[in-house]
Protein backbone atom coordinates (compact mmCIF):
# COMPACT_ATOMS: atom_id res chain seq x y z
CA UNK A 1 81.69 104.85 97.93
CA UNK A 2 78.25 104.68 95.62
CA UNK A 3 80.14 104.36 92.47
CA UNK A 4 79.48 101.44 90.22
CA UNK A 5 81.13 98.24 91.34
CA UNK A 6 80.99 94.62 89.95
CA UNK A 7 81.18 91.31 91.55
CA UNK A 8 84.10 88.77 91.38
CA UNK A 9 84.00 85.72 89.21
CA UNK A 10 87.47 84.89 88.09
CA UNK A 11 87.08 81.16 87.65
CA UNK A 12 84.88 80.54 90.74
CA UNK A 13 81.74 79.88 88.93
CA UNK A 14 79.94 82.51 90.51
CA UNK A 15 78.09 83.99 87.74
CA UNK A 16 74.61 82.30 88.79
CA UNK A 17 74.97 83.88 92.35
CA UNK A 18 76.15 87.39 91.13
CA UNK A 19 72.93 87.48 89.15
CA UNK A 20 70.65 87.14 92.18
CA UNK A 21 73.14 89.49 94.40
CA UNK A 22 72.92 92.23 91.79
CA UNK A 23 69.08 91.74 91.61
CA UNK A 24 68.69 92.10 95.22
CA UNK A 25 71.14 95.20 95.33
CA UNK A 26 69.36 96.76 92.54
CA UNK A 27 65.78 96.10 94.01
CA UNK A 28 65.61 99.30 95.89
CA UNK A 29 62.70 97.99 98.31
CA UNK A 30 64.40 94.89 98.95
CA UNK A 31 67.67 96.72 99.87
CA UNK A 32 66.14 99.40 102.15
CA UNK A 33 64.13 96.79 103.86
CA UNK A 34 67.15 94.55 104.51
CA UNK A 35 69.54 97.20 105.72
CA UNK A 36 66.80 98.24 107.93
CA UNK A 37 66.37 94.84 109.37
CA UNK A 38 67.97 94.66 112.73
CA UNK A 39 71.03 92.48 113.26
CA UNK A 40 69.61 88.65 114.19
CA UNK A 41 70.87 86.40 116.73
CA UNK A 42 72.61 83.74 114.70
CA UNK A 43 71.88 80.43 115.63
CA UNK A 44 74.27 78.85 113.13
CA UNK A 45 78.28 79.41 112.83
CA UNK A 46 78.88 82.64 110.87
CA UNK A 47 80.33 80.94 108.25
CA UNK A 48 76.88 79.32 107.46
CA UNK A 49 74.71 82.19 107.89
CA UNK A 50 73.24 83.76 104.73
CA UNK A 51 71.70 86.81 106.27
CA UNK A 52 75.11 87.88 107.76
CA UNK A 53 76.96 87.00 104.75
CA UNK A 54 74.51 88.87 102.38
CA UNK A 55 74.62 91.74 104.98
CA UNK A 56 78.65 91.66 104.49
CA UNK A 57 78.20 91.72 100.75
CA UNK A 58 75.84 94.78 100.93
CA UNK A 59 77.98 96.54 103.06
CA UNK A 60 80.99 96.13 100.77
CA UNK A 61 78.68 97.47 97.89
CA UNK A 62 78.11 100.64 100.07
CA UNK A 63 81.49 101.19 101.68
CA UNK A 64 84.19 99.43 99.65
CA UNK A 65 86.78 101.65 97.55
CA UNK A 66 87.38 98.59 95.30
CA UNK A 67 85.15 98.26 92.22
CA UNK A 68 85.23 94.63 92.72
CA UNK A 69 83.35 93.06 95.35
CA UNK A 70 83.94 89.37 96.34
CA UNK A 71 80.62 87.16 96.78
CA UNK A 72 82.93 84.35 98.52
CA UNK A 73 81.18 84.85 101.95
CA UNK A 74 77.93 84.37 100.73
CA UNK A 75 78.92 81.53 98.50
CA UNK A 76 80.32 79.67 101.43
CA UNK A 77 77.40 80.43 103.46
CA UNK A 78 75.37 78.72 100.77
CA UNK A 79 77.52 75.68 100.42
CA UNK A 80 77.54 75.27 104.39
CA UNK A 81 73.84 75.82 104.66
CA UNK A 82 72.76 73.89 101.89
CA UNK A 83 75.45 71.32 101.43
CA UNK A 84 73.50 69.07 99.03
CA UNK A 85 72.83 71.78 96.62
CA UNK A 86 75.89 74.39 96.55
CA UNK A 87 79.39 73.45 96.25
CA UNK A 88 82.06 76.17 96.38
CA UNK A 89 83.94 76.22 92.70
CA UNK A 90 80.97 74.30 91.05
CA UNK A 91 78.65 75.76 88.75
CA UNK A 92 75.02 76.03 89.51
CA UNK A 93 72.07 78.42 88.22
CA UNK A 94 70.44 81.28 89.43
CA UNK A 95 67.25 79.63 90.17
CA UNK A 96 69.11 77.38 92.64
CA UNK A 97 70.65 80.79 94.02
CA UNK A 98 67.04 82.10 94.72
CA UNK A 99 66.96 80.06 97.52
CA UNK A 100 69.23 82.77 99.34
CA UNK A 101 66.63 85.50 98.24
CA UNK A 102 63.81 83.33 99.77
CA UNK A 103 65.84 82.66 102.84
CA UNK A 104 66.77 86.20 103.71
CA UNK A 105 63.20 87.49 102.87
CA UNK A 106 61.81 85.00 105.23
CA UNK A 107 64.36 86.06 108.11
CA UNK A 108 63.45 89.73 107.50
CA UNK A 109 59.88 89.02 107.79
CA UNK A 110 60.21 87.16 110.84
CA UNK A 111 62.34 89.71 112.45
CA UNK A 112 59.57 92.45 111.55
CA UNK A 113 56.81 90.41 112.88
CA UNK A 114 58.65 89.62 116.05
CA UNK A 115 60.24 92.93 116.62
CA UNK A 116 63.70 91.50 116.94
């Protein structure tokens, strides 16, 4: 369903992350490029893969019947991948969450350049 959806933030301190997710989702060029990127070969445990976690959140935006999307998989991946910067349940700011965007864009660029 393509109806409007929100991101869950009930006491989880996800507002900083939700801003970045919503910005990426509403950036049509990024969303189309990201969706067209082939599945990459994870070298990390799935729980720590930011690329796969953002793909999962975007998939929920597209297909979930729920009006509220949980960003928890991405928050968990950030916490797992950047252990000194992100902690589940603790507050952070959107500029720190942009690490996610940079990481994902770099991953997509690598995939496009290498043809994977």
